[in-house]
PDB file of all heavy atoms in Angstrom:
ATOM      1  N   PHE A   1     -32.725   4.372  -8.365  1.00  0.00           N
ATOM      2  CA  PHE A   1     -31.995   3.127  -8.161  1.00  0.00           C
ATOM      3  C   PHE A   1     -30.487   3.389  -8.130  1.00  0.00           C
ATOM      4  O   PHE A   1     -29.931   3.982  -9.048  1.00  0.00           O
ATOM      5  CB  PHE A   1     -32.333   2.142  -9.284  1.00  0.00           C
ATOM      6  CG  PHE A   1     -31.635   0.822  -9.163  1.00  0.00           C
ATOM      7  CD1 PHE A   1     -31.818   0.022  -8.046  1.00  0.00           C
ATOM      8  CD2 PHE A   1     -30.790   0.371 -10.173  1.00  0.00           C
ATOM      9  CE1 PHE A   1     -31.181  -1.199  -7.932  1.00  0.00           C
ATOM     10  CE2 PHE A   1     -30.151  -0.847 -10.077  1.00  0.00           C
ATOM     11  CZ  PHE A   1     -30.344  -1.636  -8.949  1.00  0.00           C
ATOM     12  N   GLY A   2     -29.860   2.972  -7.021  1.00  0.00           N
ATOM     13  CA  GLY A   2     -28.423   3.128  -6.845  1.00  0.00           C
ATOM     14  C   GLY A   2     -28.002   4.415  -6.179  1.00  0.00           C
ATOM     15  O   GLY A   2     -26.825   4.561  -5.813  1.00  0.00           O
ATOM     16  N   ASP A   3     -28.922   5.354  -5.980  1.00  0.00           N
ATOM     17  CA  ASP A   3     -28.586   6.658  -5.432  1.00  0.00           C
ATOM     18  C   ASP A   3     -28.408   6.580  -3.918  1.00  0.00           C
ATOM     19  O   ASP A   3     -28.948   5.697  -3.244  1.00  0.00           O
ATOM     20  CB  ASP A   3     -29.693   7.657  -5.781  1.00  0.00           C
ATOM     21  CG  ASP A   3     -29.300   9.098  -5.502  1.00  0.00           C
ATOM     22  OD1 ASP A   3     -28.095   9.394  -5.481  1.00  0.00           O
ATOM     23  OD2 ASP A   3     -30.192   9.940  -5.313  1.00  0.00           O
ATOM     24  N   GLU A   4     -27.641   7.509  -3.388  1.00  0.00           N
ATOM     25  CA  GLU A   4     -27.529   7.829  -1.975  1.00  0.00           C
ATOM     26  C   GLU A   4     -26.631   6.912  -1.154  1.00  0.00           C
ATOM     27  O   GLU A   4     -25.849   7.382  -0.355  1.00  0.00           O
ATOM     28  CB  GLU A   4     -28.915   7.874  -1.286  1.00  0.00           C
ATOM     29  CG  GLU A   4     -29.792   9.025  -1.688  1.00  0.00           C
ATOM     30  CD  GLU A   4     -30.975   9.159  -0.763  1.00  0.00           C
ATOM     31  OE1 GLU A   4     -30.770   9.365   0.444  1.00  0.00           O
ATOM     32  OE2 GLU A   4     -32.109   9.033  -1.250  1.00  0.00           O
ATOM     33  N   TRP A   5     -26.762   5.621  -1.284  1.00  0.00           N
ATOM     34  CA  TRP A   5     -26.122   4.748  -0.297  1.00  0.00           C
ATOM     35  C   TRP A   5     -24.610   4.676  -0.501  1.00  0.00           C
ATOM     36  O   TRP A   5     -24.074   5.067  -1.538  1.00  0.00           O
ATOM     37  CB  TRP A   5     -26.777   3.369  -0.305  1.00  0.00           C
ATOM     38  CG  TRP A   5     -26.241   2.359  -1.303  1.00  0.00           C
ATOM     39  CD1 TRP A   5     -25.759   2.575  -2.549  1.00  0.00           C
ATOM     40  CD2 TRP A   5     -26.161   0.962  -1.077  1.00  0.00           C
ATOM     41  NE1 TRP A   5     -25.397   1.400  -3.128  1.00  0.00           N
ATOM     42  CE2 TRP A   5     -25.625   0.386  -2.245  1.00  0.00           C
ATOM     43  CE3 TRP A   5     -26.501   0.116  -0.020  1.00  0.00           C
ATOM     44  CZ2 TRP A   5     -25.411  -0.995  -2.370  1.00  0.00           C
ATOM     45  CZ3 TRP A   5     -26.295  -1.248  -0.145  1.00  0.00           C
ATOM     46  CH2 TRP A   5     -25.760  -1.791  -1.316  1.00  0.00           C
ATOM     47  N   SER A   6     -23.928   4.144   0.517  1.00  0.00           N
ATOM     48  CA  SER A   6     -22.469   4.060   0.500  1.00  0.00           C
ATOM     49  C   SER A   6     -22.006   2.609   0.438  1.00  0.00           C
ATOM     50  O   SER A   6     -20.888   2.300   0.837  1.00  0.00           O
ATOM     51  CB  SER A   6     -21.898   4.737   1.751  1.00  0.00           C
ATOM     52  OG  SER A   6     -22.432   4.130   2.937  1.00  0.00           O
ATOM     53  N   GLY A   7     -22.838   1.735  -0.100  1.00  0.00           N
ATOM     54  CA  GLY A   7     -22.532   0.310  -0.101  1.00  0.00           C
ATOM     55  C   GLY A   7     -21.820  -0.178  -1.340  1.00  0.00           C
ATOM     56  O   GLY A   7     -21.768  -1.400  -1.575  1.00  0.00           O
ATOM     57  N   GLY A   8     -21.278   0.713  -2.138  1.00  0.00           N
ATOM     58  CA  GLY A   8     -20.538   0.292  -3.313  1.00  0.00           C
ATOM     59  C   GLY A   8     -21.387   0.305  -4.564  1.00  0.00           C
ATOM     60  O   GLY A   8     -22.588   0.586  -4.543  1.00  0.00           O
ATOM     61  N   ALA A   9     -20.768  -0.005  -5.680  1.00  0.00           N
ATOM     62  CA  ALA A   9     -21.451   0.005  -6.964  1.00  0.00           C
ATOM     63  C   ALA A   9     -22.580  -1.018  -6.981  1.00  0.00           C
ATOM     64  O   ALA A   9     -22.425  -2.150  -6.500  1.00  0.00           O
ATOM     65  CB  ALA A   9     -20.458  -0.295  -8.079  1.00  0.00           C
ATOM     66  N   VAL A  10     -23.717  -0.614  -7.547  1.00  0.00           N
ATOM     67  CA  VAL A  10     -24.866  -1.522  -7.663  1.00  0.00           C
ATOM     68  C   VAL A  10     -24.773  -2.144  -9.058  1.00  0.00           C
ATOM     69  O   VAL A  10     -25.452  -1.737  -9.999  1.00  0.00           O
ATOM     70  CB  VAL A  10     -26.190  -0.761  -7.457  1.00  0.00           C
ATOM     71  CG1 VAL A  10     -27.365  -1.743  -7.448  1.00  0.00           C
ATOM     72  CG2 VAL A  10     -26.161   0.015  -6.148  1.00  0.00           C
ATOM     73  N   ASP A  11     -23.925  -3.153  -9.171  1.00  0.00           N
ATOM     74  CA  ASP A  11     -23.585  -3.690 -10.485  1.00  0.00           C
ATOM     75  C   ASP A  11     -23.752  -5.202 -10.585  1.00  0.00           C
ATOM     76  O   ASP A  11     -23.222  -5.831 -11.505  1.00  0.00           O
ATOM     77  CB  ASP A  11     -22.151  -3.312 -10.843  1.00  0.00           C
ATOM     78  CG  ASP A  11     -21.141  -3.756  -9.783  1.00  0.00           C
ATOM     79  OD1 ASP A  11     -21.548  -4.423  -8.799  1.00  0.00           O
ATOM     80  OD2 ASP A  11     -19.952  -3.428  -9.933  1.00  0.00           O
ATOM     81  N   SER A  12     -24.494  -5.770  -9.649  1.00  0.00           N
ATOM     82  CA  SER A  12     -24.760  -7.209  -9.679  1.00  0.00           C
ATOM     83  C   SER A  12     -26.148  -7.447  -9.100  1.00  0.00           C
ATOM     84  O   SER A  12     -26.680  -6.605  -8.362  1.00  0.00           O
ATOM     85  CB  SER A  12     -23.729  -7.974  -8.855  1.00  0.00           C
ATOM     86  OG  SER A  12     -23.896  -7.687  -7.470  1.00  0.00           O
ATOM     87  N   PRO A  13     -26.751  -8.598  -9.399  1.00  0.00           N
ATOM     88  CA  PRO A  13     -28.067  -8.881  -8.799  1.00  0.00           C
ATOM     89  C   PRO A  13     -28.046  -8.836  -7.279  1.00  0.00           C
ATOM     90  O   PRO A  13     -28.984  -8.326  -6.655  1.00  0.00           O
ATOM     91  CB  PRO A  13     -28.381 -10.282  -9.333  1.00  0.00           C
ATOM     92  CG  PRO A  13     -27.677 -10.343 -10.654  1.00  0.00           C
ATOM     93  CD  PRO A  13     -26.396  -9.593 -10.431  1.00  0.00           C
ATOM     94  N   GLY A  14     -26.963  -9.318  -6.674  1.00  0.00           N
ATOM     95  CA  GLY A  14     -26.880  -9.286  -5.212  1.00  0.00           C
ATOM     96  C   GLY A  14     -26.832  -7.876  -4.673  1.00  0.00           C
ATOM     97  O   GLY A  14     -27.507  -7.550  -3.688  1.00  0.00           O
ATOM     98  N   GLN A  15     -26.032  -7.024  -5.318  1.00  0.00           N
ATOM     99  CA  GLN A  15     -25.963  -5.631  -4.897  1.00  0.00           C
ATOM    100  C   GLN A  15     -27.294  -4.916  -5.146  1.00  0.00           C
ATOM    101  O   GLN A  15     -27.696  -4.048  -4.367  1.00  0.00           O
ATOM    102  CB  GLN A  15     -24.836  -4.916  -5.637  1.00  0.00           C
ATOM    103  CG  GLN A  15     -23.451  -5.171  -5.070  1.00  0.00           C
ATOM    104  CD  GLN A  15     -23.229  -4.453  -3.757  1.00  0.00           C
ATOM    105  OE1 GLN A  15     -23.603  -4.971  -2.691  1.00  0.00           O
ATOM    106  NE2 GLN A  15     -22.625  -3.285  -3.802  1.00  0.00           N
ATOM    107  N   ALA A  16     -27.962  -5.278  -6.242  1.00  0.00           N
ATOM    108  CA  ALA A  16     -29.266  -4.666  -6.526  1.00  0.00           C
ATOM    109  C   ALA A  16     -30.251  -4.978  -5.402  1.00  0.00           C
ATOM    110  O   ALA A  16     -30.977  -4.095  -4.928  1.00  0.00           O
ATOM    111  CB  ALA A  16     -29.799  -5.177  -7.863  1.00  0.00           C
ATOM    112  N   ARG A  17     -30.287  -6.218  -4.994  1.00  0.00           N
ATOM    113  CA  ARG A  17     -31.202  -6.591  -3.907  1.00  0.00           C
ATOM    114  C   ARG A  17     -30.816  -5.894  -2.597  1.00  0.00           C
ATOM    115  O   ARG A  17     -31.685  -5.439  -1.838  1.00  0.00           O
ATOM    116  CB  ARG A  17     -31.206  -8.104  -3.734  1.00  0.00           C
ATOM    117  CG  ARG A  17     -31.849  -8.844  -4.905  1.00  0.00           C
ATOM    118  CD  ARG A  17     -31.890 -10.343  -4.682  1.00  0.00           C
ATOM    119  NE  ARG A  17     -32.443 -11.030  -5.835  1.00  0.00           N
ATOM    120  CZ  ARG A  17     -33.750 -11.186  -6.083  1.00  0.00           C
ATOM    121  NH1 ARG A  17     -34.631 -10.705  -5.209  1.00  0.00           N
ATOM    122  NH2 ARG A  17     -34.167 -11.823  -7.157  1.00  0.00           N
ATOM    123  N   ALA A  18     -29.521  -5.798  -2.348  1.00  0.00           N
ATOM    124  CA  ALA A  18     -29.078  -5.129  -1.121  1.00  0.00           C
ATOM    125  C   ALA A  18     -29.485  -3.662  -1.133  1.00  0.00           C
ATOM    126  O   ALA A  18     -29.930  -3.118  -0.107  1.00  0.00           O
ATOM    127  CB  ALA A  18     -27.562  -5.263  -0.982  1.00  0.00           C
ATOM    128  N   TRP A  19     -29.316  -2.993  -2.296  1.00  0.00           N
ATOM    129  CA  TRP A  19     -29.713  -1.583  -2.361  1.00  0.00           C
ATOM    130  C   TRP A  19     -31.210  -1.428  -2.126  1.00  0.00           C
ATOM    131  O   TRP A  19     -31.645  -0.520  -1.405  1.00  0.00           O
ATOM    132  CB  TRP A  19     -29.338  -0.973  -3.716  1.00  0.00           C
ATOM    133  CG  TRP A  19     -29.674   0.492  -3.768  1.00  0.00           C
ATOM    134  CD1 TRP A  19     -28.881   1.527  -3.419  1.00  0.00           C
ATOM    135  CD2 TRP A  19     -30.940   1.066  -4.135  1.00  0.00           C
ATOM    136  NE1 TRP A  19     -29.551   2.720  -3.543  1.00  0.00           N
ATOM    137  CE2 TRP A  19     -30.820   2.465  -3.986  1.00  0.00           C
ATOM    138  CE3 TRP A  19     -32.140   0.541  -4.581  1.00  0.00           C
ATOM    139  CZ2 TRP A  19     -31.869   3.327  -4.261  1.00  0.00           C
ATOM    140  CZ3 TRP A  19     -33.184   1.411  -4.851  1.00  0.00           C
ATOM    141  CH2 TRP A  19     -33.042   2.788  -4.700  1.00  0.00           C
ATOM    142  N   VAL A  20     -32.033  -2.274  -2.716  1.00  0.00           N
ATOM    143  CA  VAL A  20     -33.488  -2.173  -2.535  1.00  0.00           C
ATOM    144  C   VAL A  20     -33.850  -2.382  -1.073  1.00  0.00           C
ATOM    145  O   VAL A  20     -34.699  -1.655  -0.522  1.00  0.00           O
ATOM    146  CB  VAL A  20     -34.220  -3.171  -3.442  1.00  0.00           C
ATOM    147  CG1 VAL A  20     -35.708  -3.213  -3.091  1.00  0.00           C
ATOM    148  CG2 VAL A  20     -34.050  -2.800  -4.912  1.00  0.00           C
ATOM    149  N   ARG A  21     -33.212  -3.334  -0.424  1.00  0.00           N
ATOM    150  CA  ARG A  21     -33.484  -3.536   1.015  1.00  0.00           C
ATOM    151  C   ARG A  21     -33.085  -2.294   1.801  1.00  0.00           C
ATOM    152  O   ARG A  21     -33.787  -1.891   2.748  1.00  0.00           O
ATOM    153  CB  ARG A  21     -32.740  -4.771   1.521  1.00  0.00           C
ATOM    154  CG  ARG A  21     -33.296  -6.087   1.008  1.00  0.00           C
ATOM    155  CD  ARG A  21     -32.737  -7.271   1.768  1.00  0.00           C
ATOM    156  NE  ARG A  21     -31.313  -7.468   1.533  1.00  0.00           N
ATOM    157  CZ  ARG A  21     -30.798  -8.206   0.565  1.00  0.00           C
ATOM    158  NH1 ARG A  21     -31.608  -8.832  -0.293  1.00  0.00           N
ATOM    159  NH2 ARG A  21     -29.487  -8.339   0.440  1.00  0.00           N
ATOM    160  N   TRP A  22     -31.953  -1.676   1.417  1.00  0.00           N
ATOM    161  CA  TRP A  22     -31.550  -0.440   2.084  1.00  0.00           C
ATOM    162  C   TRP A  22     -32.603   0.653   1.881  1.00  0.00           C
ATOM    163  O   TRP A  22     -32.966   1.362   2.825  1.00  0.00           O
ATOM    164  CB  TRP A  22     -30.194   0.017   1.522  1.00  0.00           C
ATOM    165  CG  TRP A  22     -29.835   1.407   1.959  1.00  0.00           C
ATOM    166  CD1 TRP A  22     -29.208   1.774   3.102  1.00  0.00           C
ATOM    167  CD2 TRP A  22     -30.128   2.622   1.251  1.00  0.00           C
ATOM    168  NE1 TRP A  22     -29.087   3.144   3.161  1.00  0.00           N
ATOM    169  CE2 TRP A  22     -29.647   3.690   2.035  1.00  0.00           C
ATOM    170  CE3 TRP A  22     -30.746   2.897   0.035  1.00  0.00           C
ATOM    171  CZ2 TRP A  22     -29.751   5.017   1.642  1.00  0.00           C
ATOM    172  CZ3 TRP A  22     -30.859   4.220  -0.360  1.00  0.00           C
ATOM    173  CH2 TRP A  22     -30.377   5.264   0.434  1.00  0.00           C
ATOM    174  N   ALA A  23     -33.093   0.817   0.647  1.00  0.00           N
ATOM    175  CA  ALA A  23     -34.083   1.852   0.368  1.00  0.00           C
ATOM    176  C   ALA A  23     -35.365   1.620   1.151  1.00  0.00           C
ATOM    177  O   ALA A  23     -35.970   2.558   1.674  1.00  0.00           O
ATOM    178  CB  ALA A  23     -34.376   1.897  -1.135  1.00  0.00           C
ATOM    179  N   ALA A  24     -35.775   0.347   1.249  1.00  0.00           N
ATOM    180  CA  ALA A  24     -36.977   0.029   2.029  1.00  0.00           C
ATOM    181  C   ALA A  24     -36.756   0.363   3.498  1.00  0.00           C
ATOM    182  O   ALA A  24     -37.635   0.935   4.164  1.00  0.00           O
ATOM    183  CB  ALA A  24     -37.337  -1.440   1.856  1.00  0.00           C
ATOM    184  N   GLY A  25     -35.580   0.026   4.006  1.00  0.00           N
ATOM    185  CA  GLY A  25     -35.275   0.338   5.400  1.00  0.00           C
ATOM    186  C   GLY A  25     -35.173   1.822   5.663  1.00  0.00           C
ATOM    187  O   GLY A  25     -35.491   2.286   6.766  1.00  0.00           O
ATOM    188  N   ARG A  26     -34.753   2.558   4.663  1.00  0.00           N
ATOM    189  CA  ARG A  26     -34.648   4.022   4.794  1.00  0.00           C
ATOM    190  C   ARG A  26     -36.031   4.662   4.828  1.00  0.00           C
ATOM    191  O   ARG A  26     -36.185   5.794   5.263  1.00  0.00           O
ATOM    192  CB  ARG A  26     -33.850   4.541   3.592  1.00  0.00           C
ATOM    193  CG  ARG A  26     -33.636   6.037   3.540  1.00  0.00           C
ATOM    194  CD  ARG A  26     -32.400   6.474   4.273  1.00  0.00           C
ATOM    195  NE  ARG A  26     -32.079   7.858   3.955  1.00  0.00           N
ATOM    196  CZ  ARG A  26     -32.647   8.931   4.517  1.00  0.00           C
ATOM    197  NH1 ARG A  26     -33.582   8.779   5.429  1.00  0.00           N
ATOM    198  NH2 ARG A  26     -32.276  10.146   4.175  1.00  0.00           N
ATOM    199  N   GLY A  27     -37.051   3.932   4.358  1.00  0.00           N
ATOM    200  CA  GLY A  27     -38.416   4.445   4.404  1.00  0.00           C
ATOM    201  C   GLY A  27     -38.951   4.944   3.090  1.00  0.00           C
ATOM    202  O   GLY A  27     -40.028   5.569   3.052  1.00  0.00           O
ATOM    203  N   TYR A  28     -38.256   4.690   1.982  1.00  0.00           N
ATOM    204  CA  TYR A  28     -38.755   5.139   0.688  1.00  0.00           C
ATOM    205  C   TYR A  28     -40.009   4.356   0.289  1.00  0.00           C
ATOM    206  O   TYR A  28     -40.193   3.193   0.671  1.00  0.00           O
ATOM    207  CB  TYR A  28     -37.673   5.002  -0.383  1.00  0.00           C
ATOM    208  CG  TYR A  28     -36.688   6.142  -0.352  1.00  0.00           C
ATOM    209  CD1 TYR A  28     -35.407   5.972   0.174  1.00  0.00           C
ATOM    210  CD2 TYR A  28     -37.043   7.405  -0.824  1.00  0.00           C
ATOM    211  CE1 TYR A  28     -34.507   7.033   0.220  1.00  0.00           C
ATOM    212  CE2 TYR A  28     -36.149   8.464  -0.776  1.00  0.00           C
ATOM    213  CZ  TYR A  28     -34.893   8.275  -0.252  1.00  0.00           C
ATOM    214  OH  TYR A  28     -34.016   9.333  -0.205  1.00  0.00           O
TER     215      TYR A  28
END
């Protein structure tokens, strides 16, 4: 959780959801 992406700190519920969507799109 929070690794790899360049979308900024994953420090809020909104950022958490954005990171998970990114990970799903990446194919994890």
